[in-house]
Amino acid sequence: MSAPLRVGLIGLGTVGQAVLRVLARNGDEIARRCGRRVVVTHAAMRDPHRVRDCDLAGITVGTDPHAVAGADVDAVVELIGGISPARELILAALGRGRAVVTANKALLAEHGNQISQAARAAGAHLAYEAAVGGGIPIIKVLREGLAANSIDSLAGIINGTSNYILTQMAARGQSFADALADAQKLGYAEADPTFDVEGVDAAHKLAILASIAFGVPLNFAAVAREGIGQVTPQDIQLAQELGYCIKPLGLAKRSAEGIQMWVHPTLVPAAHPLARTDGALNAIRVHGDAVGQIVCAGRGAGGEATASAVIADLVDVARMQGAAPRHLVPDLGFQPGALRELPVVPAGNVASAYYLRLRVADEPGVLRAITSILAELDISIEAILQKEPREHEDATLAIITSEIADARARGALERMQALPFVRPGASRLRVEHFE
């Protein structure tokens, strides 16, 4: 058996500890797969006195992550997250020719082009399976398994916190605020949940997936996003009656006009696999011209699920160490120099079917006035649901439109809200049919 792969581990939080546990538990099996043992020899932690659920015997442990990035190891694993000092640590390790494994989706989405270029310049291996989808091997699927395909679209539930919240709202009729509070109690949501519920985390992941799928440079700034805070229990109930589930979707498509990327709560047909992905699970649907539709689903977060992806990357490093750069799987799935800039379709021009929900006064002529506006704007109605009011309450209208540009949907809703019998608080959500 070849010499062990020596690993420096930066970060001993939930995932870092899980990496050590899985390596200890499955070390023999992992060695059988790659022909050598994978051994953590150096580690950096913020608090050396904190009790940890892993064995640190034989590991040189300190508090300085730069010492690990510069240690005599074969690979450096970065698990501290954030932009700085993670960016500087990764660049330093790559500059020394070390392979780098990271789970840092924010850093990759915002600075991945620079990091990938640094890896190529050093002839070093850069791997990041754990950055998207936790234990779901979606990066490997896109970079390797679907290499024969021209991929035209991908869609995913790629933030487990948002999916848990919407699942609780659907199952228990909870408000957004109550479901979020439950998610925080269970540790699914941070004390400040902005990155999750406003779609920032999902946008980071979508930027990475779109780059690999379409062969374009990473472009986080081009991802349009809307959070899930606008979704009400009534929207979820009405969507169910219309045959849909509301899911926190990230979607990227390629068309003749360019690429479109958005994160948005979306109505998904109830029979689709994404609609049946509940709780904190993740699922990603990819459509390629040769393979058609595939869906990968599983645990999108958690210590051991993420550690599974980290160690899978280390196995690749162990197998490929010493190989010429031309033999490595390209960081973003396409050969250096083959990435192509494509136009980004402006958010207002992105076409979709739409769900429009209005609360209106219970009086004659309301439905006629609403449908007249849609007719004037040449917007077809695919489905309509009218909920009669209880005593002294307003009525509710839910409409599914034909596929139209986002700007047209917004304009139609603005005209409807200007009518004297339409109450404040209308809702507009995308509908995706995956045809």
Foldseek 3Di string as FASTA:
>chain_A
DDEEAEEEEEECDLQNQLLQVCCVVCQVVLCVLQVHGHDYAEYAYCDPPDDGPHDCPNHHYYHDLLCSLPDPGQEYEYEPEDAPPVVVSLLSNLQVQHAYEYLHLVNCLVPVVVSLVSNVVSLHHYYHQNVWQQLFSVQCCLQPVCLVFQWFKKKKQTQLLQQQLLQCCLPPVDWSVVSNVVCVVVVSAPPPRCCRQQVVSVLSNLQLVCCLNHLAHRDSVQEAEGGPNLDHSVNQVVLVVVQWGWGFMWMWGQDPQWIETYTFGATEGCPDPRVVQHHSKMKMWIATPPPGIDMTIDHRDGRNSNSNSSVVSVSVCSNCPPPGSVPDRRPSSDDVPRRDDIDYDPLQFDKFKKKKKWWFAPDPPLVVVLVVLCVVLVKAWPDKDKADDDPPGTIMIITIIDIGGNNSVVVSVVVSCPDPGTDPSMDMHGYDHSD
